[in-house]
Amino acid sequence: MDKQRYCVSILSLAVIVACFTGVPIAQAQPSKPPQVNADGTIQVKAIQVAPNTYFVQGVPEMGSKQNQNFISNAGFVVTPKGVVVIDALGSPVLAQKLIQEIRKVTKQKIVAVVLTHYHADHVYGLQEFKRLGATVYAQREGLNYLASETAKQRLIASRTDFAPWVNENTRLVPADVWIDQSKNITVGGVEFRIGRVGPAHAPEDLIVSIPSEKVLFAGDLVFRGRIPFVGNADSRGWMSALDEIQKQNPKIVVPGHGSYSTNPLADITFTRNYLAYLREVMGPAARDLDPFEEAYAKADWSEYEGMPLFRAANRMNAYNVYLSIQAE
């Protein structure tokens, strides 16, 4: 199987969901709308998780015009010599809101942005930080995505799917510093340990640990309070990446989606167990070339079926794991 990143437009994703589940597309969206500010943008609010560390939490939904693609988390750490941001959110407008939240906390300059991976909901706000002169760090595999037709077509589709929040002025932004393996940077005496753990959820996964804060930003390697998005992930590599996060024993983990975790082991275990179960129930059928639908119907999904995005994502996750095991 072609190992290129699985990345489709929201329209295409919705069609896949409808085909697999038989559920009308509208039912994939939760009924509770996100809170919206007076200027029409969704509410973005910084939450403090450590003395100098904050994050903003996206809604547990698929991206839409209604939620303005605010479906992922981003964070920032304030140091005596500037602010380091982790991920850039899913539109320039959301990034502007994040910058406003940072300004409520500190007048320090935003000096760096570390991208955990180049998925659209984490990077479409990046141009707003570049406008402020921030240095962008990302793993070098991200170059392959930026040069791909997938990235170009996804942005074209997003300009329709998320208009006006993503529009003709929204662009893909390359990193200033491409990281090959792992890299430590120090800003204002605060050490940031940037670890390469991909290919896992994405080929270019990075995690960011701040030992002085006892916080680790896990990107989309950890999901909390919703079904993970597997896409074209390397599920074996993903589970190995979770082992690496666990070894670091952080006090607090900020996931790519969902609330921050003060019990990282439990949330790491949830994501790992979900991936392991997908591999367990899909593996025999994939290796024996038995039909996917039969394997999916036989699996017991009761542990997960009540969670947000189960109907929208679970069948597709299982199918992608089924295909990836055939390619192993």
C-alpha atoms as a PDB file:
ATOM      1  CA  MET A   1       0.000   0.000   0.000  1.00  0.00           C
ATOM      2  CA  ASP A   2       1.192   3.557  -0.719  1.00  0.00           C
ATOM      3  CA  LYS A   3       2.487   4.990   2.560  1.00  0.00           C
ATOM      4  CA  GLN A   4       1.684   8.611   1.743  1.00  0.00           C
ATOM      5  CA  ARG A   5      -0.129  10.573   4.409  1.00  0.00           C
ATOM      6  CA  TYR A   6      -3.866   9.953   4.563  1.00  0.00           C
ATOM      7  CA  CYS A   7      -5.363  13.404   4.239  1.00  0.00           C
ATOM      8  CA  VAL A   8      -8.670  14.306   2.677  1.00  0.00           C
ATOM      9  CA  SER A   9     -10.992  17.263   2.571  1.00  0.00           C
ATOM     10  CA  ILE A  10     -13.756  17.453   5.103  1.00  0.00           C
ATOM     11  CA  LEU A  11     -16.224  16.959   2.276  1.00  0.00           C
ATOM     12  CA  SER A  12     -14.448  13.796   1.150  1.00  0.00           C
ATOM     13  CA  LEU A  13     -14.151  12.615   4.755  1.00  0.00           C
ATOM     14  CA  ALA A  14     -17.860  13.107   5.309  1.00  0.00           C
ATOM     15  CA  VAL A  15     -18.646  11.107   2.187  1.00  0.00           C
ATOM     16  CA  ILE A  16     -16.442   8.257   3.427  1.00  0.00           C
ATOM     17  CA  VAL A  17     -18.146   8.387   6.819  1.00  0.00           C
ATOM     18  CA  ALA A  18     -21.580   8.252   5.215  1.00  0.00           C
ATOM     19  CA  CYS A  19     -20.571   5.344   2.979  1.00  0.00           C
ATOM     20  CA  PHE A  20     -19.130   3.314   5.828  1.00  0.00           C
ATOM     21  CA  THR A  21     -21.758   4.031   8.470  1.00  0.00           C
ATOM     22  CA  GLY A  22     -24.936   4.660   6.537  1.00  0.00           C
ATOM     23  CA  VAL A  23     -25.381   7.727   8.769  1.00  0.00           C
ATOM     24  CA  PRO A  24     -26.445  11.005   7.160  1.00  0.00           C
ATOM     25  CA  ILE A  25     -23.538  13.418   7.077  1.00  0.00           C
ATOM     26  CA  ALA A  26     -25.270  15.938   9.336  1.00  0.00           C
ATOM     27  CA  GLN A  27     -25.451  13.384  12.159  1.00  0.00           C
ATOM     28  CA  ALA A  28     -21.632  13.223  12.351  1.00  0.00           C
ATOM     29  CA  GLN A  29     -21.652  16.689  13.950  1.00  0.00           C
ATOM     30  CA  PRO A  30     -22.526  17.115  17.644  1.00  0.00           C
ATOM     31  CA  SER A  31     -25.669  19.113  18.339  1.00  0.00           C
ATOM     32  CA  LYS A  32     -24.100  21.474  20.895  1.00  0.00           C
ATOM     33  CA  PRO A  33     -22.570  24.484  19.116  1.00  0.00           C
ATOM     34  CA  PRO A  34     -19.256  25.957  20.255  1.00  0.00           C
ATOM     35  CA  GLN A  35     -19.287  29.314  22.035  1.00  0.00           C
ATOM     36  CA  VAL A  36     -18.848  32.218  19.646  1.00  0.00           C
ATOM     37  CA  ASN A  37     -17.510  35.685  20.395  1.00  0.00           C
ATOM     38  CA  ALA A  38     -19.250  38.917  19.420  1.00  0.00           C
ATOM     39  CA  ASP A  39     -16.979  39.269  16.371  1.00  0.00           C
ATOM     40  CA  GLY A  40     -18.193  35.943  14.996  1.00  0.00           C
ATOM     41  CA  THR A  41     -15.088  33.924  15.873  1.00  0.00           C
ATOM     42  CA  ILE A  42     -15.152  30.920  18.138  1.00  0.00           C
ATOM     43  CA  GLN A  43     -14.123  31.413  21.755  1.00  0.00           C
ATOM     44  CA  VAL A  44     -10.486  30.539  22.457  1.00  0.00           C
ATOM     45  CA  LYS A  45      -9.502  30.603  26.130  1.00  0.00           C
ATOM     46  CA  ALA A  46      -6.084  29.923  27.654  1.00  0.00           C
ATOM     47  CA  ILE A  47      -6.009  27.379  30.475  1.00  0.00           C
ATOM     48  CA  GLN A  48      -3.037  27.355  32.863  1.00  0.00           C
ATOM     49  CA  VAL A  49      -1.620  23.874  33.507  1.00  0.00           C
ATOM     50  CA  ALA A  50       1.731  24.746  35.163  1.00  0.00           C
ATOM     51  CA  PRO A  51       3.366  27.943  36.506  1.00  0.00           C
ATOM     52  CA  ASN A  52       4.347  29.187  33.050  1.00  0.00           C
ATOM     53  CA  THR A  53       2.478  26.808  30.719  1.00  0.00           C
ATOM     54  CA  TYR A  54      -0.931  27.263  29.119  1.00  0.00           C
ATOM     55  CA  PHE A  55      -3.029  25.642  26.410  1.00  0.00           C
ATOM     56  CA  VAL A  56      -6.255  26.185  24.482  1.00  0.00           C
ATOM     57  CA  GLN A  57      -8.629  23.287  23.939  1.00  0.00           C
ATOM     58  CA  GLY A  58     -10.425  22.549  20.682  1.00  0.00           C
ATOM     59  CA  VAL A  59     -13.885  21.049  20.525  1.00  0.00           C
ATOM     60  CA  PRO A  60     -14.342  17.256  20.170  1.00  0.00           C
ATOM     61  CA  GLU A  61     -15.800  17.416  16.685  1.00  0.00           C
ATOM     62  CA  MET A  62     -14.917  17.084  13.048  1.00  0.00           C
ATOM     63  CA  GLY A  63     -13.895  20.374  11.453  1.00  0.00           C
ATOM     64  CA  SER A  64     -16.760  22.477  10.119  1.00  0.00           C
ATOM     65  CA  LYS A  65     -17.721  26.038   9.295  1.00  0.00           C
ATOM     66  CA  GLN A  66     -19.680  26.116  12.530  1.00  0.00           C
ATOM     67  CA  ASN A  67     -16.706  25.303  14.766  1.00  0.00           C
ATOM     68  CA  GLN A  68     -14.341  27.223  12.457  1.00  0.00           C
ATOM     69  CA  ASN A  69     -11.935  24.239  12.460  1.00  0.00           C
ATOM     70  CA  PHE A  70     -11.151  24.703  16.150  1.00  0.00           C
ATOM     71  CA  ILE A  71     -10.828  20.972  16.781  1.00  0.00           C
ATOM     72  CA  SER A  72      -7.233  20.690  18.015  1.00  0.00           C
ATOM     73  CA  ASN A  73      -5.241  22.048  20.932  1.00  0.00           C
ATOM     74  CA  ALA A  74      -2.295  24.447  21.023  1.00  0.00           C
ATOM     75  CA  GLY A  75      -0.155  25.637  23.906  1.00  0.00           C
ATOM     76  CA  PHE A  76       2.451  28.141  24.978  1.00  0.00           C
ATOM     77  CA  VAL A  77       5.182  28.533  27.574  1.00  0.00           C
ATOM     78  CA  VAL A  78       6.230  31.921  28.919  1.00  0.00           C
ATOM     79  CA  THR A  79       9.958  32.395  29.580  1.00  0.00           C
ATOM     80  CA  PRO A  80      11.975  35.468  30.690  1.00  0.00           C
ATOM     81  CA  LYS A  81      13.133  35.916  27.077  1.00  0.00           C
ATOM     82  CA  GLY A  82       9.993  35.210  25.108  1.00  0.00           C
ATOM     83  CA  VAL A  83       7.079  32.866  24.472  1.00  0.00           C
ATOM     84  CA  VAL A  84       7.337  29.430  22.843  1.00  0.00           C
ATOM     85  CA  VAL A  85       4.141  28.191  21.181  1.00  0.00           C
ATOM     86  CA  ILE A  86       3.325  24.558  20.444  1.00  0.00           C
ATOM     87  CA  ASP A  87       1.127  24.151  17.333  1.00  0.00           C
ATOM     88  CA  ALA A  88      -0.749  26.911  15.522  1.00  0.00           C
ATOM     89  CA  LEU A  89      -4.439  25.837  15.311  1.00  0.00           C
ATOM     90  CA  GLY A  90      -6.652  25.317  12.280  1.00  0.00           C
ATOM     91  CA  SER A  91      -7.066  28.803  10.793  1.00  0.00           C
ATOM     92  CA  PRO A  92      -5.417  32.241  10.823  1.00  0.00           C
ATOM     93  CA  VAL A  93      -8.378  33.659  12.774  1.00  0.00           C
ATOM     94  CA  LEU A  94      -7.937  31.064  15.505  1.00  0.00           C
ATOM     95  CA  ALA A  95      -4.214  31.840  15.648  1.00  0.00           C
ATOM     96  CA  GLN A  96      -5.035  35.520  16.104  1.00  0.00           C
ATOM     97  CA  LYS A  97      -7.293  34.579  19.013  1.00  0.00           C
ATOM     98  CA  LEU A  98      -4.493  32.487  20.522  1.00  0.00           C
ATOM     99  CA  ILE A  99      -2.124  35.434  20.200  1.00  0.00           C
ATOM    100  CA  GLN A 100      -4.672  37.607  22.005  1.00  0.00           C
ATOM    101  CA  GLU A 101      -4.800  35.063  24.826  1.00  0.00           C
ATOM    102  CA  ILE A 102      -1.008  35.073  25.050  1.00  0.00           C
ATOM    103  CA  ARG A 103      -1.080  38.881  25.275  1.00  0.00           C
ATOM    104  CA  LYS A 104      -3.431  38.630  28.272  1.00  0.00           C
ATOM    105  CA  VAL A 105      -0.773  36.589  30.086  1.00  0.00           C
ATOM    106  CA  THR A 106       2.447  38.342  29.015  1.00  0.00           C
ATOM    107  CA  LYS A 107       3.864  41.142  26.897  1.00  0.00           C
ATOM    108  CA  GLN A 108       6.855  38.970  26.032  1.00  0.00           C
ATOM    109  CA  LYS A 109       7.544  38.505  22.329  1.00  0.00           C
ATOM    110  CA  ILE A 110       6.490  35.222  20.679  1.00  0.00           C
ATOM    111  CA  VAL A 111       9.864  33.887  19.602  1.00  0.00           C
ATOM    112  CA  ALA A 112       9.248  30.297  18.488  1.00  0.00           C
ATOM    113  CA  VAL A 113       6.590  27.846  17.342  1.00  0.00           C
ATOM    114  CA  VAL A 114       7.139  24.082  17.488  1.00  0.00           C
ATOM    115  CA  LEU A 115       4.848  22.010  15.257  1.00  0.00           C
ATOM    116  CA  THR A 116       4.056  18.547  16.508  1.00  0.00           C
ATOM    117  CA  HIS A 117       3.044  17.548  12.940  1.00  0.00           C
ATOM    118  CA  TYR A 118       1.746  19.019   9.673  1.00  0.00           C
ATOM    119  CA  HIS A 119      -1.952  18.181   9.886  1.00  0.00           C
ATOM    120  CA  ALA A 120      -4.259  20.980   8.759  1.00  0.00           C
ATOM    121  CA  ASP A 121      -5.962  21.550  12.112  1.00  0.00           C
ATOM    122  CA  HIS A 122      -2.549  22.239  13.673  1.00  0.00           C
ATOM    123  CA  VAL A 123      -0.877  24.407  11.017  1.00  0.00           C
ATOM    124  CA  TYR A 124      -3.292  26.682   9.145  1.00  0.00           C
ATOM    125  CA  GLY A 125      -2.732  29.412  11.744  1.00  0.00           C
ATOM    126  CA  LEU A 126       1.031  29.340  11.346  1.00  0.00           C
ATOM    127  CA  GLN A 127       1.281  32.402   9.088  1.00  0.00           C
ATOM    128  CA  GLU A 128       0.099  34.645  11.931  1.00  0.00           C
ATOM    129  CA  PHE A 129       3.092  33.649  14.062  1.00  0.00           C
ATOM    130  CA  LYS A 130       5.479  34.087  11.150  1.00  0.00           C
ATOM    131  CA  ARG A 131       4.086  37.594  10.746  1.00  0.00           C
ATOM    132  CA  LEU A 132       5.306  38.287  14.291  1.00  0.00           C
ATOM    133  CA  GLY A 133       8.804  37.006  13.479  1.00  0.00           C
ATOM    134  CA  ALA A 134       8.638  33.691  15.329  1.00  0.00           C
ATOM    135  CA  THR A 135      11.057  30.910  14.372  1.00  0.00           C
ATOM    136  CA  VAL A 136       9.211  27.745  13.332  1.00  0.00           C
ATOM    137  CA  TYR A 137      10.553  24.278  14.217  1.00  0.00           C
ATOM    138  CA  ALA A 138       9.262  21.051  12.645  1.00  0.00           C
ATOM    139  CA  GLN A 139      10.493  17.581  11.768  1.00  0.00           C
ATOM    140  CA  ARG A 140      12.066  17.307   8.323  1.00  0.00           C
ATOM    141  CA  GLU A 141       9.521  14.754   7.039  1.00  0.00           C
ATOM    142  CA  GLY A 142       7.108  17.679   6.942  1.00  0.00           C
ATOM    143  CA  LEU A 143       8.854  18.847   3.795  1.00  0.00           C
ATOM    144  CA  ASN A 144       7.434  15.851   1.953  1.00  0.00           C
ATOM    145  CA  TYR A 145       3.930  16.827   2.960  1.00  0.00           C
ATOM    146  CA  LEU A 146       4.361  20.470   1.965  1.00  0.00           C
ATOM    147  CA  ALA A 147       5.568  19.393  -1.490  1.00  0.00           C
ATOM    148  CA  SER A 148       2.745  16.905  -1.973  1.00  0.00           C
ATOM    149  CA  GLU A 149      -0.360  17.214  -4.095  1.00  0.00           C
ATOM    150  CA  THR A 150      -2.286  16.066  -1.013  1.00  0.00           C
ATOM    151  CA  ALA A 151      -1.343  19.227   0.872  1.00  0.00           C
ATOM    152  CA  LYS A 152      -2.300  21.458  -2.034  1.00  0.00           C
ATOM    153  CA  GLN A 153      -5.649  19.788  -2.595  1.00  0.00           C
ATOM    154  CA  ARG A 154      -6.434  19.729   1.118  1.00  0.00           C
ATOM    155  CA  LEU A 155      -5.885  23.488   1.352  1.00  0.00           C
ATOM    156  CA  ILE A 156      -8.064  24.090  -1.727  1.00  0.00           C
ATOM    157  CA  ALA A 157     -10.851  22.019  -0.185  1.00  0.00           C
ATOM    158  CA  SER A 158     -10.424  23.693   3.203  1.00  0.00           C
ATOM    159  CA  ARG A 159     -10.937  27.118   1.640  1.00  0.00           C
ATOM    160  CA  THR A 160     -14.437  25.915   0.806  1.00  0.00           C
ATOM    161  CA  ASP A 161     -15.104  23.656   3.790  1.00  0.00           C
ATOM    162  CA  PHE A 162     -13.998  26.240   6.374  1.00  0.00           C
ATOM    163  CA  ALA A 163     -14.737  29.519   4.577  1.00  0.00           C
ATOM    164  CA  PRO A 164     -14.381  32.312   5.530  1.00  0.00           C
ATOM    165  CA  TRP A 165     -12.042  31.221   8.335  1.00  0.00           C
ATOM    166  CA  VAL A 166      -9.719  29.483   5.875  1.00  0.00           C
ATOM    167  CA  ASN A 167      -9.632  31.419   2.607  1.00  0.00           C
ATOM    168  CA  GLU A 168      -7.502  32.488  -0.360  1.00  0.00           C
ATOM    169  CA  ASN A 169      -5.105  34.292   1.971  1.00  0.00           C
ATOM    170  CA  THR A 170      -4.420  31.142   3.979  1.00  0.00           C
ATOM    171  CA  ARG A 171      -1.168  29.480   3.003  1.00  0.00           C
ATOM    172  CA  LEU A 172       1.069  26.591   3.989  1.00  0.00           C
ATOM    173  CA  VAL A 173       4.159  27.743   5.860  1.00  0.00           C
ATOM    174  CA  PRO A 174       7.432  25.788   5.949  1.00  0.00           C
ATOM    175  CA  ALA A 175       9.587  25.572   9.044  1.00  0.00           C
ATOM    176  CA  ASP A 176      12.625  27.754   9.533  1.00  0.00           C
ATOM    177  CA  VAL A 177      14.443  24.949  11.337  1.00  0.00           C
ATOM    178  CA  TRP A 178      13.976  21.378  10.149  1.00  0.00           C
ATOM    179  CA  ILE A 179      14.740  18.794  12.827  1.00  0.00           C
ATOM    180  CA  ASP A 180      16.158  15.454  11.710  1.00  0.00           C
ATOM    181  CA  GLN A 181      16.021  13.581  14.989  1.00  0.00           C
ATOM    182  CA  SER A 182      15.690  15.208  18.409  1.00  0.00           C
ATOM    183  CA  LYS A 183      16.762  18.682  19.448  1.00  0.00           C
ATOM    184  CA  ASN A 184      16.931  20.696  22.651  1.00  0.00           C
ATOM    185  CA  ILE A 185      16.446  24.448  22.585  1.00  0.00           C
ATOM    186  CA  THR A 186      16.740  26.885  25.468  1.00  0.00           C
ATOM    187  CA  VAL A 187      14.792  30.137  25.658  1.00  0.00           C
ATOM    188  CA  GLY A 188      15.207  32.436  28.638  1.00  0.00           C
ATOM    189  CA  GLY A 189      16.885  29.680  30.617  1.00  0.00           C
ATOM    190  CA  VAL A 190      13.981  27.266  30.019  1.00  0.00           C
ATOM    191  CA  GLU A 191      14.860  24.014  28.268  1.00  0.00           C
ATOM    192  CA  PHE A 192      12.556  22.567  25.622  1.00  0.00           C
ATOM    193  CA  ARG A 193      13.290  18.956  24.691  1.00  0.00           C
ATOM    194  CA  ILE A 194      11.920  18.328  21.219  1.00  0.00           C
ATOM    195  CA  GLY A 195      11.805  14.606  20.529  1.00  0.00           C
ATOM    196  CA  ARG A 196      11.257  12.889  17.209  1.00  0.00           C
ATOM    197  CA  VAL A 197       8.942   9.936  17.696  1.00  0.00           C
ATOM    198  CA  GLY A 198       7.480   9.434  14.197  1.00  0.00           C
ATOM    199  CA  PRO A 199       6.497   7.885  11.985  1.00  0.00           C
ATOM    200  CA  ALA A 200       3.533   7.256  14.246  1.00  0.00           C
ATOM    201  CA  HIS A 201       0.321   9.285  14.004  1.00  0.00           C
ATOM    202  CA  ALA A 202       2.128  11.179  11.219  1.00  0.00           C
ATOM    203  CA  PRO A 203       5.529  10.675   9.586  1.00  0.00           C
ATOM    204  CA  GLU A 204       6.898  13.813  11.262  1.00  0.00           C
ATOM    205  CA  ASP A 205       5.589  13.507  14.834  1.00  0.00           C
ATOM    206  CA  LEU A 206       7.381  15.531  17.495  1.00  0.00           C
ATOM    207  CA  ILE A 207       6.783  15.749  21.229  1.00  0.00           C
ATOM    208  CA  VAL A 208       7.832  18.728  23.347  1.00  0.00           C
ATOM    209  CA  SER A 209       8.875  18.265  26.962  1.00  0.00           C
ATOM    210  CA  ILE A 210       9.546  21.143  29.369  1.00  0.00           C
ATOM    211  CA  PRO A 211      11.275  19.524  32.384  1.00  0.00           C
ATOM    212  CA  SER A 212      11.142  22.636  34.578  1.00  0.00           C
ATOM    213  CA  GLU A 213       7.348  22.704  34.155  1.00  0.00           C
ATOM    214  CA  LYS A 214       6.959  18.901  34.278  1.00  0.00           C
ATOM    215  CA  VAL A 215       4.750  19.198  31.191  1.00  0.00           C
ATOM    216  CA  LEU A 216       4.850  17.292  27.900  1.00  0.00           C
ATOM    217  CA  PHE A 217       2.993  18.309  24.748  1.00  0.00           C
ATOM    218  CA  ALA A 218       2.116  15.058  22.974  1.00  0.00           C
ATOM    219  CA  GLY A 219       0.458  16.323  19.800  1.00  0.00           C
ATOM    220  CA  ASP A 220      -1.906  13.770  18.277  1.00  0.00           C
ATOM    221  CA  LEU A 221      -0.098  10.848  19.839  1.00  0.00           C
ATOM    222  CA  VAL A 222      -2.499  11.182  22.783  1.00  0.00           C
ATOM    223  CA  PHE A 223      -6.244  11.718  22.460  1.00  0.00           C
ATOM    224  CA  ARG A 224      -8.430  12.371  25.474  1.00  0.00           C
ATOM    225  CA  GLY A 225     -12.197  12.209  25.746  1.00  0.00           C
ATOM    226  CA  ARG A 226     -12.837  11.198  22.130  1.00  0.00           C
ATOM    227  CA  ILE A 227     -12.043   8.521  19.589  1.00  0.00           C
ATOM    228  CA  PRO A 228      -8.552   9.047  18.090  1.00  0.00           C
ATOM    229  CA  PHE A 229      -8.114   9.872  14.415  1.00  0.00           C
ATOM    230  CA  VAL A 230      -5.915   7.164  12.933  1.00  0.00           C
ATOM    231  CA  GLY A 231      -5.806   8.156   9.279  1.00  0.00           C
ATOM    232  CA  ASN A 232      -2.853   6.564   7.533  1.00  0.00           C
ATOM    233  CA  ALA A 233      -0.879   6.235  10.753  1.00  0.00           C
ATOM    234  CA  ASP A 234       1.827   3.712  11.517  1.00  0.00           C
ATOM    235  CA  SER A 235      -0.028   2.063  14.402  1.00  0.00           C
ATOM    236  CA  ARG A 236       2.989   0.052  15.564  1.00  0.00           C
ATOM    237  CA  GLY A 237       5.161   3.157  15.521  1.00  0.00           C
ATOM    238  CA  TRP A 238       2.444   5.051  17.351  1.00  0.00           C
ATOM    239  CA  MET A 239       2.388   2.554  20.199  1.00  0.00           C
ATOM    240  CA  SER A 240       6.187   2.769  20.439  1.00  0.00           C
ATOM    241  CA  ALA A 241       5.897   6.559  20.624  1.00  0.00           C
ATOM    242  CA  LEU A 242       3.446   6.205  23.506  1.00  0.00           C
ATOM    243  CA  ASP A 243       5.992   4.025  25.287  1.00  0.00           C
ATOM    244  CA  GLU A 244       8.546   6.822  24.899  1.00  0.00           C
ATOM    245  CA  ILE A 245       6.146   9.384  26.377  1.00  0.00           C
ATOM    246  CA  GLN A 246       5.461   7.073  29.293  1.00  0.00           C
ATOM    247  CA  LYS A 247       9.188   6.621  29.944  1.00  0.00           C
ATOM    248  CA  GLN A 248       9.568  10.371  30.357  1.00  0.00           C
ATOM    249  CA  ASN A 249       7.050  10.231  33.215  1.00  0.00           C
ATOM    250  CA  PRO A 250       5.664  13.762  32.849  1.00  0.00           C
ATOM    251  CA  LYS A 251       3.388  15.120  35.548  1.00  0.00           C
ATOM    252  CA  ILE A 252       1.085  16.713  32.984  1.00  0.00           C
ATOM    253  CA  VAL A 253       0.437  15.781  29.348  1.00  0.00           C
ATOM    254  CA  VAL A 254      -1.269  18.147  26.938  1.00  0.00           C
ATOM    255  CA  PRO A 255      -2.784  16.033  24.137  1.00  0.00           C
ATOM    256  CA  GLY A 256      -3.485  17.161  20.605  1.00  0.00           C
ATOM    257  CA  HIS A 257      -7.206  16.748  21.275  1.00  0.00           C
ATOM    258  CA  GLY A 258      -9.067  16.857  24.574  1.00  0.00           C
ATOM    259  CA  SER A 259      -8.401  18.241  28.022  1.00  0.00           C
ATOM    260  CA  TYR A 260      -4.968  18.212  29.610  1.00  0.00           C
ATOM    261  CA  SER A 261      -4.103  15.151  31.663  1.00  0.00           C
ATOM    262  CA  THR A 262      -2.929  15.042  35.262  1.00  0.00           C
ATOM    263  CA  ASN A 263      -2.985  11.240  35.062  1.00  0.00           C
ATOM    264  CA  PRO A 264      -0.898  10.690  31.918  1.00  0.00           C
ATOM    265  CA  LEU A 265      -0.561   6.947  32.365  1.00  0.00           C
ATOM    266  CA  ALA A 266      -4.325   6.440  32.149  1.00  0.00           C
ATOM    267  CA  ASP A 267      -4.676   8.552  29.008  1.00  0.00           C
ATOM    268  CA  ILE A 268      -1.616   7.071  27.323  1.00  0.00           C
ATOM    269  CA  THR A 269      -3.047   3.652  28.120  1.00  0.00           C
ATOM    270  CA  PHE A 270      -6.423   4.569  26.602  1.00  0.00           C
ATOM    271  CA  THR A 271      -4.868   5.567  23.266  1.00  0.00           C
ATOM    272  CA  ARG A 272      -2.513   2.569  23.254  1.00  0.00           C
ATOM    273  CA  ASN A 273      -5.312   0.122  24.080  1.00  0.00           C
ATOM    274  CA  TYR A 274      -7.504   1.531  21.317  1.00  0.00           C
ATOM    275  CA  LEU A 275      -4.747   1.083  18.745  1.00  0.00           C
ATOM    276  CA  ALA A 276      -3.917  -2.364  20.060  1.00  0.00           C
ATOM    277  CA  TYR A 277      -7.565  -3.392  19.832  1.00  0.00           C
ATOM    278  CA  LEU A 278      -7.824  -2.174  16.242  1.00  0.00           C
ATOM    279  CA  ARG A 279      -4.791  -4.278  15.379  1.00  0.00           C
ATOM    280  CA  GLU A 280      -6.151  -7.267  17.296  1.00  0.00           C
ATOM    281  CA  VAL A 281      -9.540  -7.359  15.579  1.00  0.00           C
ATOM    282  CA  MET A 282      -8.353  -6.350  12.118  1.00  0.00           C
ATOM    283  CA  GLY A 283      -5.066  -8.259  12.015  1.00  0.00           C
ATOM    284  CA  PRO A 284      -6.246 -11.809  11.282  1.00  0.00           C
ATOM    285  CA  ALA A 285      -8.647 -10.681   8.537  1.00  0.00           C
ATOM    286  CA  ALA A 286      -6.025  -8.426   6.981  1.00  0.00           C
ATOM    287  CA  ARG A 287      -3.381 -11.152   6.901  1.00  0.00           C
ATOM    288  CA  ASP A 288      -5.813 -13.826   5.646  1.00  0.00           C
ATOM    289  CA  LEU A 289      -7.360 -11.413   3.121  1.00  0.00           C
ATOM    290  CA  ASP A 290     -10.798 -11.937   4.659  1.00  0.00           C
ATOM    291  CA  PRO A 291     -13.403  -9.218   4.000  1.00  0.00           C
ATOM    292  CA  PHE A 292     -13.110  -6.097   6.148  1.00  0.00           C
ATOM    293  CA  GLU A 293     -16.859  -5.849   6.741  1.00  0.00           C
ATOM    294  CA  GLU A 294     -17.001  -9.308   8.302  1.00  0.00           C
ATOM    295  CA  ALA A 295     -14.131  -8.527  10.677  1.00  0.00           C
ATOM    296  CA  TYR A 296     -15.645  -5.197  11.639  1.00  0.00           C
ATOM    297  CA  ALA A 297     -19.060  -6.706  12.326  1.00  0.00           C
ATOM    298  CA  LYS A 298     -17.564  -9.399  14.575  1.00  0.00           C
ATOM    299  CA  ALA A 299     -15.629  -6.920  16.746  1.00  0.00           C
ATOM    300  CA  ASP A 300     -17.025  -5.782  20.087  1.00  0.00           C
ATOM    301  CA  TRP A 301     -16.966  -1.955  20.041  1.00  0.00           C
ATOM    302  CA  SER A 302     -18.953  -1.490  23.261  1.00  0.00           C
ATOM    303  CA  GLU A 303     -16.020   0.068  25.140  1.00  0.00           C
ATOM    304  CA  TYR A 304     -15.776   2.902  22.608  1.00  0.00           C
ATOM    305  CA  GLU A 305     -19.159   3.351  20.940  1.00  0.00           C
ATOM    306  CA  GLY A 306     -20.417   5.936  23.433  1.00  0.00           C
ATOM    307  CA  MET A 307     -17.462   8.266  22.892  1.00  0.00           C
ATOM    308  CA  PRO A 308     -17.475  11.440  20.761  1.00  0.00           C
ATOM    309  CA  LEU A 309     -16.660  10.807  17.090  1.00  0.00           C
ATOM    310  CA  PHE A 310     -17.114   7.046  17.341  1.00  0.00           C
ATOM    311  CA  ARG A 311     -19.672   6.989  14.516  1.00  0.00           C
ATOM    312  CA  ALA A 312     -17.671   9.432  12.437  1.00  0.00           C
ATOM    313  CA  ALA A 313     -14.223   7.890  12.811  1.00  0.00           C
ATOM    314  CA  ASN A 314     -14.160   4.359  14.175  1.00  0.00           C
ATOM    315  CA  ARG A 315     -15.057   2.394  11.048  1.00  0.00           C
ATOM    316  CA  MET A 316     -12.611   4.422   8.979  1.00  0.00           C
ATOM    317  CA  ASN A 317      -9.901   3.935  11.623  1.00  0.00           C
ATOM    318  CA  ALA A 318     -10.458   0.189  11.550  1.00  0.00           C
ATOM    319  CA  TYR A 319     -10.365   0.096   7.757  1.00  0.00           C
ATOM    320  CA  ASN A 320      -7.103   2.034   7.609  1.00  0.00           C
ATOM    321  CA  VAL A 321      -5.513  -0.299  10.157  1.00  0.00           C
ATOM    322  CA  TYR A 322      -6.803  -3.266   8.135  1.00  0.00           C
ATOM    323  CA  LEU A 323      -5.079  -1.890   5.016  1.00  0.00           C
ATOM    324  CA  SER A 324      -1.879  -0.950   6.810  1.00  0.00           C
ATOM    325  CA  ILE A 325      -1.471  -4.419   8.332  1.00  0.00           C
ATOM    326  CA  GLN A 326      -1.736  -5.900   4.840  1.00  0.00           C
ATOM    327  CA  ALA A 327       1.173  -3.657   3.809  1.00  0.00           C
ATOM    328  CA  GLU A 328       3.407  -4.583   6.768  1.00  0.00           C
END
